[in-house]
Amino acid sequence: MSKPEITVKNSKGEILEAYEEALQALEEAKKQNKQEVKREQEKQSIVASASQNTANSIVQKLANLKLEIVQSLETVENSLLSECYVSSNMMHNSSFCPTIS
């Protein structure tokens, strides 16, 4: 739907309405532009932080993560074994618990 062209012959109300619509369209365009600029800045910061990661640093971080996982699993294993022995002592039957290494 095309908008009627505003001329000198239009009433003040029509001119004011067209002005308000144009002002609103301008505000929406500014808002979209700010969002685009923000997205572009976020992309640039992601690329900058990713470019700081070298192959060696990535490998080192993975190795540290693996070590943390193994340590956590060992802690869980020891807790479970302790609980098993506590339970077995209560029941006077330790045959179902493996030995602690």
C-alpha atoms as a PDB file:
ATOM      1  CA  MET A   1       0.000   0.000   0.000  1.00  0.00           C
ATOM      2  CA  SER A   2       1.638   3.242  -1.142  1.00  0.00           C
ATOM      3  CA  LYS A   3       1.399   6.323   1.010  1.00  0.00           C
ATOM      4  CA  PRO A   4      -0.120   9.426  -0.523  1.00  0.00           C
ATOM      5  CA  GLU A   5       2.335  12.128  -1.420  1.00  0.00           C
ATOM      6  CA  ILE A   6       2.405  15.103   0.931  1.00  0.00           C
ATOM      7  CA  THR A   7       1.988  18.466  -0.738  1.00  0.00           C
ATOM      8  CA  VAL A   8       1.238  22.029   0.305  1.00  0.00           C
ATOM      9  CA  LYS A   9      -2.461  21.320  -0.254  1.00  0.00           C
ATOM     10  CA  ASN A  10      -2.583  18.669   2.530  1.00  0.00           C
ATOM     11  CA  SER A  11      -4.095  19.615   5.858  1.00  0.00           C
ATOM     12  CA  LYS A  12      -1.934  20.250   8.912  1.00  0.00           C
ATOM     13  CA  GLY A  13      -3.173  16.973  10.408  1.00  0.00           C
ATOM     14  CA  GLU A  14      -2.093  14.966   7.368  1.00  0.00           C
ATOM     15  CA  ILE A  15       1.297  16.648   7.302  1.00  0.00           C
ATOM     16  CA  LEU A  16       1.769  16.086  11.039  1.00  0.00           C
ATOM     17  CA  GLU A  17       0.735  12.425  10.682  1.00  0.00           C
ATOM     18  CA  ALA A  18       3.226  11.928   7.837  1.00  0.00           C
ATOM     19  CA  TYR A  19       5.921  13.634   9.932  1.00  0.00           C
ATOM     20  CA  GLU A  20       5.217  11.330  12.899  1.00  0.00           C
ATOM     21  CA  GLU A  21       5.376   8.264  10.645  1.00  0.00           C
ATOM     22  CA  ALA A  22       8.675   9.428   9.140  1.00  0.00           C
ATOM     23  CA  LEU A  23      10.061  10.128  12.618  1.00  0.00           C
ATOM     24  CA  GLN A  24       9.021   6.672  13.808  1.00  0.00           C
ATOM     25  CA  ALA A  25      10.603   5.047  10.747  1.00  0.00           C
ATOM     26  CA  LEU A  26      13.821   6.969  11.426  1.00  0.00           C
ATOM     27  CA  GLU A  27      13.884   5.812  15.068  1.00  0.00           C
ATOM     28  CA  GLU A  28      13.378   2.183  13.998  1.00  0.00           C
ATOM     29  CA  ALA A  29      16.203   2.492  11.463  1.00  0.00           C
ATOM     30  CA  LYS A  30      18.526   3.914  14.144  1.00  0.00           C
ATOM     31  CA  LYS A  31      17.579   1.098  16.514  1.00  0.00           C
ATOM     32  CA  GLN A  32      18.305  -1.553  13.874  1.00  0.00           C
ATOM     33  CA  ASN A  33      21.600   0.129  13.040  1.00  0.00           C
ATOM     34  CA  LYS A  34      22.634   0.089  16.723  1.00  0.00           C
ATOM     35  CA  GLN A  35      21.769  -3.612  16.930  1.00  0.00           C
ATOM     36  CA  GLU A  36      23.829  -4.337  13.812  1.00  0.00           C
ATOM     37  CA  VAL A  37      26.788  -2.389  15.215  1.00  0.00           C
ATOM     38  CA  LYS A  38      26.497  -4.290  18.498  1.00  0.00           C
ATOM     39  CA  ARG A  39      26.396  -7.650  16.688  1.00  0.00           C
ATOM     40  CA  GLU A  40      29.449  -6.682  14.653  1.00  0.00           C
ATOM     41  CA  GLN A  41      31.350  -5.680  17.816  1.00  0.00           C
ATOM     42  CA  GLU A  42      30.434  -8.998  19.454  1.00  0.00           C
ATOM     43  CA  LYS A  43      31.677 -10.890  16.393  1.00  0.00           C
ATOM     44  CA  GLN A  44      34.937  -8.958  16.446  1.00  0.00           C
ATOM     45  CA  SER A  45      35.494  -9.654  20.138  1.00  0.00           C
ATOM     46  CA  ILE A  46      34.812 -13.374  19.603  1.00  0.00           C
ATOM     47  CA  VAL A  47      37.281 -13.486  16.725  1.00  0.00           C
ATOM     48  CA  ALA A  48      39.861 -11.591  18.792  1.00  0.00           C
ATOM     49  CA  SER A  49      39.551 -13.950  21.749  1.00  0.00           C
ATOM     50  CA  ALA A  50      39.619 -17.001  19.481  1.00  0.00           C
ATOM     51  CA  SER A  51      42.726 -15.777  17.693  1.00  0.00           C
ATOM     52  CA  GLN A  52      44.566 -15.602  21.025  1.00  0.00           C
ATOM     53  CA  ASN A  53      44.197 -19.369  21.435  1.00  0.00           C
ATOM     54  CA  THR A  54      47.159 -21.169  19.946  1.00  0.00           C
ATOM     55  CA  ALA A  55      47.271 -24.858  19.202  1.00  0.00           C
ATOM     56  CA  ASN A  56      49.539 -25.396  22.208  1.00  0.00           C
ATOM     57  CA  SER A  57      47.243 -23.519  24.573  1.00  0.00           C
ATOM     58  CA  ILE A  58      44.243 -25.520  23.364  1.00  0.00           C
ATOM     59  CA  VAL A  59      46.107 -28.794  23.871  1.00  0.00           C
ATOM     60  CA  GLN A  60      47.222 -27.660  27.333  1.00  0.00           C
ATOM     61  CA  LYS A  61      43.668 -26.698  28.302  1.00  0.00           C
ATOM     62  CA  LEU A  62      42.378 -30.082  27.110  1.00  0.00           C
ATOM     63  CA  ALA A  63      45.079 -31.884  29.087  1.00  0.00           C
ATOM     64  CA  ASN A  64      44.166 -29.916  32.218  1.00  0.00           C
ATOM     65  CA  LEU A  65      40.501 -30.706  31.692  1.00  0.00           C
ATOM     66  CA  LYS A  66      41.255 -34.419  31.321  1.00  0.00           C
ATOM     67  CA  LEU A  67      43.314 -34.317  34.521  1.00  0.00           C
ATOM     68  CA  GLU A  68      40.480 -32.617  36.416  1.00  0.00           C
ATOM     69  CA  ILE A  69      37.986 -35.209  35.159  1.00  0.00           C
ATOM     70  CA  VAL A  70      40.218 -38.092  36.207  1.00  0.00           C
ATOM     71  CA  GLN A  71      40.740 -36.545  39.646  1.00  0.00           C
ATOM     72  CA  SER A  72      37.002 -36.042  40.064  1.00  0.00           C
ATOM     73  CA  LEU A  73      36.310 -39.633  39.065  1.00  0.00           C
ATOM     74  CA  GLU A  74      38.907 -40.874  41.542  1.00  0.00           C
ATOM     75  CA  THR A  75      37.263 -38.833  44.284  1.00  0.00           C
ATOM     76  CA  VAL A  76      33.869 -40.286  43.432  1.00  0.00           C
ATOM     77  CA  GLU A  77      35.349 -43.792  43.304  1.00  0.00           C
ATOM     78  CA  ASN A  78      36.946 -43.387  46.733  1.00  0.00           C
ATOM     79  CA  SER A  79      33.719 -42.037  48.199  1.00  0.00           C
ATOM     80  CA  LEU A  80      31.743 -44.944  46.802  1.00  0.00           C
ATOM     81  CA  LEU A  81      34.258 -47.485  48.079  1.00  0.00           C
ATOM     82  CA  SER A  82      34.198 -45.888  51.530  1.00  0.00           C
ATOM     83  CA  GLU A  83      30.418 -46.040  51.568  1.00  0.00           C
ATOM     84  CA  CYS A  84      30.566 -49.654  50.448  1.00  0.00           C
ATOM     85  CA  TYR A  85      32.870 -50.602  53.310  1.00  0.00           C
ATOM     86  CA  VAL A  86      30.819 -48.698  55.836  1.00  0.00           C
ATOM     87  CA  SER A  87      27.736 -50.522  54.627  1.00  0.00           C
ATOM     88  CA  SER A  88      29.500 -53.873  54.589  1.00  0.00           C
ATOM     89  CA  ASN A  89      30.761 -53.393  58.135  1.00  0.00           C
ATOM     90  CA  MET A  90      27.232 -52.658  59.220  1.00  0.00           C
ATOM     91  CA  MET A  91      26.024 -55.822  57.547  1.00  0.00           C
ATOM     92  CA  HIS A  92      29.123 -57.908  58.538  1.00  0.00           C
ATOM     93  CA  ASN A  93      29.543 -58.995  54.980  1.00  0.00           C
ATOM     94  CA  SER A  94      32.413 -57.465  53.030  1.00  0.00           C
ATOM     95  CA  SER A  95      32.396 -59.953  50.180  1.00  0.00           C
ATOM     96  CA  PHE A  96      30.561 -57.668  47.779  1.00  0.00           C
ATOM     97  CA  CYS A  97      33.062 -54.767  48.010  1.00  0.00           C
ATOM     98  CA  PRO A  98      36.230 -54.605  45.911  1.00  0.00           C
ATOM     99  CA  THR A  99      39.522 -53.813  47.601  1.00  0.00           C
ATOM    100  CA  ILE A 100      40.690 -50.210  47.843  1.00  0.00           C
ATOM    101  CA  SER A 101      43.852 -49.631  45.865  1.00  0.00           C
END
